[in-house]
Protein backbone atom coordinates (compact mmCIF):
# COMPACT_ATOMS: atom_id res chain seq x y z
CA MET A 1 -16.97 -7.08 4.46
CA SER A 2 -15.53 -4.05 6.16
CA GLU A 3 -17.00 -0.61 5.47
CA HIS A 4 -13.26 0.16 3.80
CA ALA A 5 -13.60 -3.09 1.80
CA GLY A 6 -17.35 -2.18 0.80
CA ARG A 7 -15.81 0.96 -0.84
CA THR A 8 -13.07 -0.42 -2.60
CA GLN A 9 -15.05 -2.69 -4.56
CA ALA A 10 -17.75 -0.81 -4.96
CA ALA A 11 -15.22 1.46 -7.45
CA HIS A 12 -14.56 -1.21 -9.68
CA ALA A 13 -16.34 -2.42 -12.25
CA HIS A 14 -17.97 -6.16 -11.94
CA LEU A 15 -17.68 -9.01 -14.69
CA VAL A 16 -20.97 -10.11 -13.36
CA ASP A 17 -22.44 -6.19 -14.56
CA ARG A 18 -21.68 -7.45 -17.98
CA ASP A 19 -24.14 -9.37 -20.55
CA PRO A 20 -22.83 -8.90 -24.03
CA GLN A 21 -25.14 -9.53 -26.81
CA VAL A 22 -23.38 -11.31 -29.83
CA THR A 23 -24.60 -11.33 -33.03
CA PRO A 24 -24.06 -14.57 -36.16
CA GLN A 25 -21.77 -12.01 -38.26
CA GLN A 26 -19.51 -11.01 -35.07
CA MET A 27 -19.29 -14.80 -33.97
CA ALA A 28 -18.00 -15.36 -37.64
CA ALA A 29 -15.92 -11.95 -38.24
CA ALA A 30 -14.24 -13.17 -34.76
CA LEU A 31 -13.24 -16.56 -36.36
CA VAL A 32 -9.19 -15.10 -36.18
CA PRO A 33 -6.18 -16.54 -33.95
CA PRO A 34 -6.44 -14.70 -30.31
CA GLN A 35 -4.34 -11.46 -29.59
CA GLN A 36 -1.41 -13.17 -28.37
CA PHE A 37 -1.02 -15.57 -31.66
CA ALA A 38 -1.71 -12.61 -33.87
CA ASP A 39 1.94 -13.02 -34.79
CA ALA A 40 2.56 -16.59 -34.40
CA SER A 41 4.48 -18.01 -37.26
CA PHE A 42 6.77 -20.94 -37.43
CA ASP A 43 9.91 -19.22 -37.59
CA SER A 44 8.74 -17.70 -33.77
CA TYR A 45 8.19 -21.03 -32.72
CA ARG A 46 10.88 -22.34 -30.36
CA PRO A 47 10.99 -26.07 -30.50
CA ASP A 48 12.31 -27.89 -27.07
CA PRO A 49 15.83 -29.40 -28.16
CA ASP A 50 14.78 -32.49 -25.52
CA TYR A 51 11.91 -33.19 -27.66
CA PRO A 52 12.89 -33.35 -31.48
CA SER A 53 8.91 -34.00 -32.14
CA GLN A 54 8.09 -30.65 -31.55
CA ALA A 55 10.93 -28.97 -34.47
CA ALA A 56 9.38 -32.64 -36.43
CA VAL A 57 5.93 -31.43 -36.62
CA ARG A 58 6.77 -27.55 -36.91
CA ASP A 59 8.22 -28.94 -40.28
CA THR A 60 5.28 -30.81 -41.03
CA VAL A 61 2.87 -28.33 -40.52
CA ALA A 62 4.29 -26.25 -42.39
CA ALA A 63 5.15 -28.15 -45.59
CA PHE A 64 1.03 -29.35 -44.91
CA VAL A 65 0.16 -25.33 -45.51
CA ARG A 66 2.65 -25.29 -48.17
CA GLY A 67 0.71 -28.35 -49.69
CA THR A 68 4.25 -29.64 -50.26
CA GLY A 69 5.53 -33.54 -48.09
CA ALA A 70 7.85 -33.51 -45.27
CA GLU A 71 8.89 -36.21 -43.12
CA ALA A 72 8.08 -36.57 -39.31
CA PRO A 73 6.64 -38.69 -36.71
CA ARG A 74 2.98 -39.57 -37.88
CA ARG A 75 0.81 -42.15 -36.90
CA GLY A 76 -2.17 -43.17 -38.63
CA LEU A 77 -5.41 -44.97 -37.38
CA PHE A 78 -4.24 -47.46 -34.72
CA GLY A 79 -0.86 -46.19 -34.46
CA ARG A 80 0.57 -47.23 -37.24
CA ARG A 81 3.42 -45.26 -38.40
CA ARG A 82 3.13 -43.27 -41.77
CA THR A 83 5.84 -43.69 -44.36
CA ALA A 84 7.33 -41.28 -46.86
CA ALA A 85 4.59 -42.43 -49.54
CA SER A 86 1.95 -41.05 -46.91
CA ASP A 87 2.80 -37.24 -48.42
CA ALA A 88 0.72 -34.40 -46.52
CA SER A 89 -0.47 -32.78 -49.47
CA ALA A 90 -2.49 -35.50 -49.85
CA LYS A 91 -4.39 -35.30 -46.48
CA SER A 92 -7.40 -33.03 -45.92
CA GLY A 93 -6.41 -32.59 -42.30
CA VAL A 94 -3.73 -32.75 -39.61
CA TYR A 95 -4.04 -32.94 -35.77
CA LEU A 96 -1.90 -32.03 -32.94
CA ASP A 97 -1.78 -34.40 -30.13
CA GLY A 98 -0.06 -33.55 -27.02
CA GLY A 99 0.15 -32.40 -23.61
CA PHE A 100 -0.09 -28.62 -22.44
CA GLY A 101 1.75 -25.97 -23.35
CA VAL A 102 4.23 -27.23 -26.20
CA GLY A 103 2.93 -25.10 -28.60
CA LYS A 104 0.37 -26.73 -30.22
CA THR A 105 -2.11 -23.24 -30.17
CA HIS A 106 0.71 -21.38 -32.07
CA LEU A 107 1.46 -23.65 -34.82
CA LEU A 108 -2.11 -23.54 -35.71
CA ALA A 109 -1.91 -19.91 -35.19
CA ALA A 110 1.18 -19.90 -37.42
CA ALA A 111 -0.59 -22.45 -39.60
CA TYR A 112 -3.34 -19.45 -40.00
CA HIS A 113 -1.21 -16.97 -40.87
CA ALA A 114 0.61 -18.70 -43.58
CA ALA A 115 -1.99 -20.41 -45.65
CA SER A 116 -3.42 -18.42 -48.86
CA GLY A 117 -6.83 -17.74 -49.17
CA ARG A 118 -9.86 -17.83 -47.36
CA LYS A 119 -9.00 -19.51 -43.85
CA THR A 120 -10.82 -19.41 -39.99
CA PHE A 121 -9.37 -19.99 -36.99
CA GLY A 122 -11.83 -20.92 -34.16
CA THR A 123 -12.38 -23.08 -30.77
CA PHE A 124 -14.61 -26.15 -30.80
CA ILE A 125 -16.94 -24.10 -28.75
CA GLU A 126 -17.35 -21.08 -31.52
CA TYR A 127 -17.80 -23.28 -34.07
CA THR A 128 -20.55 -25.21 -32.50
CA ALA A 129 -21.97 -21.96 -31.16
CA LEU A 130 -21.81 -20.64 -34.95
CA VAL A 131 -24.13 -23.57 -35.95
CA GLY A 132 -26.39 -22.90 -33.18
CA ALA A 133 -26.93 -19.47 -34.34
CA LEU A 134 -26.55 -20.06 -38.26
CA GLY A 135 -28.04 -23.67 -38.30
CA PHE A 136 -25.86 -26.18 -40.23
CA GLN A 137 -26.92 -25.48 -43.54
CA GLY A 138 -25.91 -21.66 -43.12
CA THR A 139 -22.37 -22.54 -41.31
CA VAL A 140 -21.74 -25.02 -44.21
CA ASP A 141 -22.67 -22.06 -46.76
CA LEU A 142 -20.82 -19.86 -44.75
CA LEU A 143 -17.41 -21.62 -44.75
CA ARG A 144 -17.77 -23.03 -48.07
CA GLY A 145 -14.77 -22.25 -50.22
CA THR A 146 -12.45 -21.85 -46.84
CA ALA A 147 -9.29 -22.97 -47.86
CA LEU A 148 -8.13 -24.27 -44.48
CA VAL A 149 -9.97 -24.07 -41.44
CA CYS A 150 -8.57 -24.16 -37.81
CA ILE A 151 -10.17 -26.02 -34.98
CA ASP A 152 -8.40 -25.21 -31.57
CA GLU A 153 -9.15 -27.44 -28.32
CA PHE A 154 -11.56 -30.09 -30.05
CA GLU A 155 -13.47 -31.62 -27.53
CA LEU A 156 -14.34 -35.11 -27.81
CA ASP A 157 -16.89 -35.71 -24.66
CA ASP A 158 -19.76 -34.08 -26.27
CA PRO A 159 -20.92 -37.12 -28.69
CA GLY A 160 -23.62 -34.48 -30.25
CA ASP A 161 -21.08 -31.91 -30.70
CA THR A 162 -18.51 -34.37 -31.73
CA MET A 163 -20.56 -35.96 -34.76
CA MET A 164 -21.91 -32.58 -35.90
CA MET A 165 -18.28 -31.14 -36.11
CA THR A 166 -17.66 -34.63 -38.02
CA ARG A 167 -20.43 -33.75 -40.43
CA LEU A 168 -19.29 -30.33 -40.99
CA ILE A 169 -15.66 -31.37 -41.57
CA ARG A 170 -16.92 -34.22 -44.05
CA GLU A 171 -18.96 -31.67 -45.97
CA LEU A 172 -16.42 -28.64 -46.48
CA ALA A 173 -13.66 -31.47 -47.25
CA ASP A 174 -15.72 -32.83 -49.89
CA THR A 175 -15.28 -29.06 -51.63
CA GLY A 176 -11.70 -29.00 -51.10
CA THR A 177 -11.24 -27.23 -47.45
CA ARG A 178 -8.52 -28.35 -45.28
CA PHE A 179 -8.50 -28.61 -41.97
CA ALA A 180 -5.61 -28.30 -38.82
CA ALA A 181 -6.84 -29.31 -35.62
CA THR A 182 -5.39 -29.55 -32.22
CA SER A 183 -6.75 -30.88 -28.51
CA ASN A 184 -5.03 -31.72 -25.37
CA THR A 185 -3.76 -34.53 -23.42
CA PRO A 186 -2.27 -34.58 -19.93
CA PRO A 187 1.74 -34.00 -19.79
CA GLY A 188 3.26 -37.19 -17.92
CA ALA A 189 -0.29 -39.38 -18.65
CA LEU A 190 0.79 -42.93 -19.93
CA GLY A 191 -0.67 -43.46 -23.12
CA GLU A 192 -3.50 -40.89 -23.10
CA GLY A 193 -1.83 -39.28 -25.80
CA ARG A 194 -2.08 -42.14 -28.11
CA PHE A 195 -5.43 -42.60 -26.89
CA ALA A 196 -6.59 -39.35 -27.42
CA ALA A 197 -5.31 -39.62 -31.14
CA GLN A 198 -7.30 -42.87 -31.49
CA ASP A 199 -10.29 -41.53 -29.86
CA PHE A 200 -10.42 -38.13 -32.77
CA LEU A 201 -9.58 -40.38 -35.82
CA ARG A 202 -12.81 -42.82 -34.09
CA GLU A 203 -14.90 -40.46 -34.00
CA ILE A 204 -14.49 -38.37 -37.35
CA GLN A 205 -14.79 -41.82 -38.79
CA ALA A 206 -15.09 -41.43 -42.44
CA MET A 207 -12.41 -38.71 -42.45
CA SER A 208 -9.97 -40.57 -40.32
CA ASP A 209 -7.83 -41.65 -43.33
CA ARG A 210 -7.84 -37.68 -44.67
CA PHE A 211 -5.87 -36.83 -40.96
CA ASP A 212 -2.67 -37.00 -40.09
CA THR A 213 -1.94 -37.44 -36.61
CA LEU A 214 1.31 -35.64 -35.33
CA ARG A 215 2.08 -36.27 -31.66
CA ILE A 216 4.02 -33.72 -29.98
CA ASP A 217 6.03 -34.72 -27.17
CA GLY A 218 7.18 -32.00 -24.35
CA LEU A 219 7.06 -30.05 -20.58
CA ASP A 220 4.46 -27.16 -20.26
CA TYR A 221 6.30 -23.93 -21.05
CA ARG A 222 3.96 -22.42 -18.58
CA ARG A 223 4.88 -24.23 -15.96
CA ARG A 224 8.98 -24.40 -16.70
CA ALA A 225 8.95 -20.21 -16.00
CA VAL A 226 7.22 -19.90 -13.35
CA ASP A 227 6.35 -21.67 -9.76
CA GLU A 228 3.98 -24.69 -9.41
CA SER A 229 0.96 -23.04 -8.07
CA ALA A 230 -1.01 -20.02 -9.12
CA ALA A 231 -0.27 -17.20 -7.40
CA VAL A 232 -2.84 -15.68 -4.49
CA VAL A 233 -2.85 -12.17 -2.72
CA SER A 234 -4.52 -11.20 0.43
CA ASP A 235 -5.92 -8.39 -0.84
CA VAL A 236 -7.50 -8.43 -4.49
CA ALA A 237 -8.17 -4.77 -4.80
CA ALA A 238 -5.08 -3.18 -3.80
CA ALA A 239 -3.29 -5.66 -6.21
CA LEU A 240 -5.07 -5.11 -9.03
CA PRO A 241 -3.39 -3.21 -12.07
CA SER A 242 -4.42 0.15 -13.62
CA GLY A 243 -6.40 0.11 -16.59
CA ALA A 244 -9.78 -1.86 -17.46
CA VAL A 245 -10.48 -4.08 -15.04
CA THR A 246 -12.98 -6.07 -12.71
CA LEU A 247 -13.53 -7.13 -9.62
CA ASP A 248 -15.89 -9.80 -7.98
CA ALA A 249 -16.40 -12.44 -5.62
CA PHE A 250 -15.69 -15.48 -6.93
CA ASP A 251 -18.68 -17.35 -6.38
CA GLU A 252 -20.92 -14.54 -7.66
CA VAL A 253 -18.72 -14.70 -11.25
CA VAL A 254 -19.40 -18.53 -10.97
CA ALA A 255 -22.80 -17.89 -11.16
CA HIS A 256 -23.11 -14.97 -13.35
CA LEU A 257 -21.61 -17.73 -15.68
CA GLY A 258 -24.54 -19.96 -16.14
CA SER A 259 -26.74 -17.09 -17.44
CA VAL A 260 -24.29 -16.27 -19.95
CA HIS A 261 -23.78 -18.54 -23.15
CA PRO A 262 -19.80 -19.66 -23.29
CA SER A 263 -20.30 -18.54 -27.20
CA ARG A 264 -20.55 -15.26 -25.55
CA TYR A 265 -17.33 -15.68 -22.98
CA VAL A 266 -15.13 -13.57 -25.62
CA ALA A 267 -17.30 -10.65 -25.46
CA LEU A 268 -17.64 -10.92 -21.73
CA VAL A 269 -13.98 -10.05 -21.21
CA ASP A 270 -13.52 -8.13 -24.05
CA GLY A 271 -11.10 -5.33 -23.71
CA LEU A 272 -10.19 -5.84 -19.90
CA ASP A 273 -6.81 -5.86 -18.60
CA ALA A 274 -7.22 -7.67 -15.04
CA VAL A 275 -9.76 -9.62 -13.59
CA GLY A 276 -10.02 -9.63 -9.66
CA LEU A 277 -11.69 -12.46 -7.96
CA THR A 278 -12.26 -13.00 -4.39
CA ASP A 279 -12.40 -15.75 -2.14
CA ALA A 280 -12.08 -18.46 -4.74
CA ARG A 281 -12.92 -21.95 -3.55
CA PRO A 282 -13.00 -25.80 -4.84
CA PHE A 283 -15.89 -26.71 -6.86
CA THR A 284 -18.89 -28.51 -6.13
CA ASP A 285 -20.49 -28.76 -8.96
CA GLN A 286 -19.19 -30.37 -12.20
CA THR A 287 -21.56 -28.02 -14.79
CA ASP A 288 -20.18 -24.58 -12.53
CA ALA A 289 -16.57 -26.08 -12.99
CA LEU A 290 -17.01 -26.47 -16.90
CA ARG A 291 -18.39 -23.21 -17.40
CA TRP A 292 -15.16 -21.72 -15.42
CA VAL A 293 -12.55 -23.59 -17.66
CA ALA A 294 -14.23 -22.11 -20.86
CA LEU A 295 -13.82 -18.63 -19.13
CA VAL A 296 -10.27 -19.34 -17.97
CA ASP A 297 -9.77 -20.33 -22.02
CA ARG A 298 -11.43 -17.26 -23.32
CA LEU A 299 -9.31 -15.22 -20.65
CA TYR A 300 -6.11 -16.69 -21.49
CA ASP A 301 -7.14 -16.36 -25.49
CA ALA A 302 -7.11 -12.79 -24.37
CA GLN A 303 -4.14 -12.46 -22.31
CA VAL A 304 -6.18 -10.83 -19.30
CA ARG A 305 -4.37 -10.98 -15.85
CA ILE A 306 -6.18 -12.71 -12.91
CA VAL A 307 -5.78 -11.36 -9.57
CA ALA A 308 -7.44 -13.74 -7.08
CA SER A 309 -7.44 -14.81 -3.07
CA GLY A 310 -8.87 -17.92 -1.36
CA THR A 311 -7.74 -21.00 -2.83
CA PRO A 312 -5.21 -21.20 -5.70
CA LEU A 313 -7.16 -21.28 -9.23
CA ASP A 314 -5.06 -24.33 -10.09
CA ALA A 315 -6.29 -26.45 -6.95
CA LEU A 316 -10.23 -25.67 -7.70
CA TYR A 317 -11.07 -29.31 -8.88
CA PRO A 318 -11.80 -32.34 -6.30
CA GLU A 319 -9.79 -35.64 -6.98
CA ALA A 320 -13.23 -36.98 -8.05
CA MET A 321 -13.50 -34.40 -10.85
CA LEU A 322 -9.83 -34.87 -12.31
CA GLU A 323 -10.86 -38.82 -12.01
CA GLY A 324 -13.39 -38.41 -14.21
CA GLY A 325 -14.13 -37.82 -18.33
CA TYR A 326 -13.29 -33.72 -18.33
CA ARG A 327 -9.64 -34.22 -16.60
CA LYS A 328 -8.15 -32.86 -19.40
CA LYS A 329 -10.14 -29.78 -19.46
CA TYR A 330 -9.51 -29.10 -15.91
CA LEU A 331 -5.62 -29.93 -16.27
CA ARG A 332 -5.74 -27.39 -19.17
CA ALA A 333 -7.39 -24.76 -16.92
CA ALA A 334 -5.03 -25.32 -14.12
CA SER A 335 -2.16 -24.66 -16.46
CA ARG A 336 -3.55 -21.71 -18.13
CA VAL A 337 -4.30 -19.78 -14.70
CA VAL A 338 -0.84 -20.41 -13.39
CA ALA A 339 0.58 -17.74 -16.11
CA LEU A 340 -2.80 -15.83 -15.98
CA THR A 341 -2.28 -15.05 -12.08
CA ARG A 342 2.01 -14.78 -12.22
CA ALA A 343 1.61 -12.35 -15.19
CA ALA A 344 3.46 -9.21 -15.02
């Protein structure tokens, strides 16, 4: 590093210097939609006219929140099409299954805002972290009486966490709580949407007959609006915007993520306008790659711009990783960094 570059980087704050501590009470208070969806509504959702399922699912989720039935392309366990007699109001939950960037999180946030009574909104990892902090019974006691629990990015790759969430859903549903959940399926991946839905229903076992699976088709709106690759710059420090920003070497940030529990990544990026990353390079370790995915999700929720040099941030995953069981997570992160690196 040149003397000038060293002075420039030293003038910036560093993400690796942040070590936020989060109490269980703060974790519970943070169970609300991210800022970018603070005003999300069913009216502000813009369905793609080329994909009628988007408008149909919007109407079905709205009806579910109101507690009245509505017709939509719904399928039950093993893909059986539900009939009009399958009233949305009789269900404990709706599960939004589809590709990246088709508006599932927007609809989930709209459901949260439209629901009356107590409600919570969080990612799957935020709920599992809450159980880790409060214990299972403590989390049940905290959420008991909640009218609607929204779970974004429901994960199926950790059997222990999945079954724990299954038990939590069952116990709360038995006391009248209803649920809305989303997960991700790679766009254009033949059959994977159907399999993701079946995986979800299988994993939640006894709850499967209480959920309607709603398939949303469409293209990733983030990639419709921008070029296909994440933007890179030659001089990260010079390209950083004004405001609260950090500047770090990519490898140092990846290493730092190993010392911060993913449940604290929300606080790690709190208050930032942009993060600068120098010399990004492809991952060689899957644990590092998964921690990065969790950070990208929190950066995206907070709409924190990324300015990076080196390998484009949507090209960090070797083919061997993309062929494995975490493919959906990696593709979701790739989609999101395209938007974050090209944000105005």
